[in-house]
C-alpha atoms as a PDB file:
ATOM      1  CA  UNK A   1     153.451 126.466  77.902  1.00  0.00           C
ATOM      2  CA  UNK A   2     152.195 129.986  78.471  1.00  0.00           C
ATOM      3  CA  UNK A   3     151.181 129.094  82.040  1.00  0.00           C
ATOM      4  CA  UNK A   4     154.707 127.861  82.785  1.00  0.00           C
ATOM      5  CA  UNK A   5     156.107 131.100  81.408  1.00  0.00           C
ATOM      6  CA  UNK A   6     153.737 133.159  83.561  1.00  0.00           C
ATOM      7  CA  UNK A   7     154.566 131.195  86.733  1.00  0.00           C
ATOM      8  CA  UNK A   8     158.279 131.532  86.047  1.00  0.00           C
ATOM      9  CA  UNK A   9     157.853 135.266  85.461  1.00  0.00           C
ATOM     10  CA  UNK A  10     155.973 135.686  88.753  1.00  0.00           C
ATOM     11  CA  UNK A  11     158.665 133.751  90.650  1.00  0.00           C
ATOM     12  CA  UNK A  12     161.349 135.980  89.131  1.00  0.00           C
ATOM     13  CA  UNK A  13     159.422 139.111  90.087  1.00  0.00           C
ATOM     14  CA  UNK A  14     159.005 137.867  93.665  1.00  0.00           C
ATOM     15  CA  UNK A  15     162.736 137.192  93.923  1.00  0.00           C
ATOM     16  CA  UNK A  16     163.463 140.701  92.636  1.00  0.00           C
ATOM     17  CA  UNK A  17     161.079 142.241  95.169  1.00  0.00           C
ATOM     18  CA  UNK A  18     162.712 140.273  98.009  1.00  0.00           C
ATOM     19  CA  UNK A  19     166.126 141.546  96.927  1.00  0.00           C
ATOM     20  CA  UNK A  20     164.793 145.117  96.754  1.00  0.00           C
ATOM     21  CA  UNK A  21     163.201 144.825 100.209  1.00  0.00           C
ATOM     22  CA  UNK A  22     166.407 143.498 101.753  1.00  0.00           C
ATOM     23  CA  UNK A  23     168.465 146.235 100.093  1.00  0.00           C
ATOM     24  CA  UNK A  24     166.098 148.935 101.372  1.00  0.00           C
ATOM     25  CA  UNK A  25     166.069 147.389 104.853  1.00  0.00           C
ATOM     26  CA  UNK A  26     169.862 147.256 104.909  1.00  0.00           C
ATOM     27  CA  UNK A  27     170.017 150.923 103.885  1.00  0.00           C
ATOM     28  CA  UNK A  28     167.553 151.862 106.650  1.00  0.00           C
ATOM     29  CA  UNK A  29     169.456 149.872 109.277  1.00  0.00           C
ATOM     30  CA  UNK A  30     172.741 151.512 108.342  1.00  0.00           C
ATOM     31  CA  UNK A  31     171.192 154.999 108.363  1.00  0.00           C
ATOM     32  CA  UNK A  32     169.555 154.459 111.766  1.00  0.00           C
ATOM     33  CA  UNK A  33     172.840 153.340 113.328  1.00  0.00           C
ATOM     34  CA  UNK A  34     175.035 156.192 112.009  1.00  0.00           C
ATOM     35  CA  UNK A  35     175.864 159.232 114.078  1.00  0.00           C
ATOM     36  CA  UNK A  36     174.087 161.756 114.254  1.00  0.00           C
ATOM     37  CA  UNK A  37     171.161 159.947 112.628  1.00  0.00           C
ATOM     38  CA  UNK A  38     170.942 157.578 115.601  1.00  0.00           C
ATOM     39  CA  UNK A  39     170.024 160.491 117.894  1.00  0.00           C
ATOM     40  CA  UNK A  40     167.144 161.612 115.689  1.00  0.00           C
ATOM     41  CA  UNK A  41     166.092 158.028 114.980  1.00  0.00           C
ATOM     42  CA  UNK A  42     165.783 157.396 118.699  1.00  0.00           C
ATOM     43  CA  UNK A  43     163.755 160.564 119.226  1.00  0.00           C
ATOM     44  CA  UNK A  44     161.304 159.743 116.435  1.00  0.00           C
ATOM     45  CA  UNK A  45     161.025 156.014 117.105  1.00  0.00           C
ATOM     46  CA  UNK A  46     162.961 154.653 114.126  1.00  0.00           C
ATOM     47  CA  UNK A  47     164.728 151.369 114.786  1.00  0.00           C
ATOM     48  CA  UNK A  48     166.550 148.659 112.879  1.00  0.00           C
ATOM     49  CA  UNK A  49     164.324 146.180 111.094  1.00  0.00           C
ATOM     50  CA  UNK A  50     164.916 142.492 110.323  1.00  0.00           C
ATOM     51  CA  UNK A  51     165.823 141.363 106.824  1.00  0.00           C
ATOM     52  CA  UNK A  52     163.418 139.083 104.944  1.00  0.00           C
ATOM     53  CA  UNK A  53     164.529 135.462 105.165  1.00  0.00           C
ATOM     54  CA  UNK A  54     162.537 132.420 104.109  1.00  0.00           C
ATOM     55  CA  UNK A  55     164.469 130.093 106.370  1.00  0.00           C
ATOM     56  CA  UNK A  56     165.435 126.529 105.570  1.00  0.00           C
ATOM     57  CA  UNK A  57     161.866 125.208 105.283  1.00  0.00           C
ATOM     58  CA  UNK A  58     160.824 128.083 103.040  1.00  0.00           C
ATOM     59  CA  UNK A  59     163.776 127.543 100.714  1.00  0.00           C
ATOM     60  CA  UNK A  60     162.949 123.855 100.429  1.00  0.00           C
ATOM     61  CA  UNK A  61     159.390 124.748  99.434  1.00  0.00           C
ATOM     62  CA  UNK A  62     160.721 127.140  96.792  1.00  0.00           C
ATOM     63  CA  UNK A  63     162.623 124.266  95.162  1.00  0.00           C
ATOM     64  CA  UNK A  64     159.409 122.281  94.619  1.00  0.00           C
ATOM     65  CA  UNK A  65     157.468 123.163  91.480  1.00  0.00           C
ATOM     66  CA  UNK A  66     153.903 124.356  92.120  1.00  0.00           C
ATOM     67  CA  UNK A  67     151.117 121.909  91.366  1.00  0.00           C
ATOM     68  CA  UNK A  68     148.502 123.278  88.980  1.00  0.00           C
ATOM     69  CA  UNK A  69     145.140 121.537  88.552  1.00  0.00           C
ATOM     70  CA  UNK A  70     142.452 122.344  85.991  1.00  0.00           C
END
């Protein structure tokens, strides 16, 4: 039972980190595209970054419970 709780907790933490990453990436992308930030971003090499996405295959894998062997 404790193992199930730990695995569930880890999955929840990973989901939270993915949400945080996407929020931070969205904030960066907006800042890089705004004027006058876009001028300085271009000079210093900042550019928009892609959001984290598992894709269809990754989401299907997330729906399957992990197999644990002892």
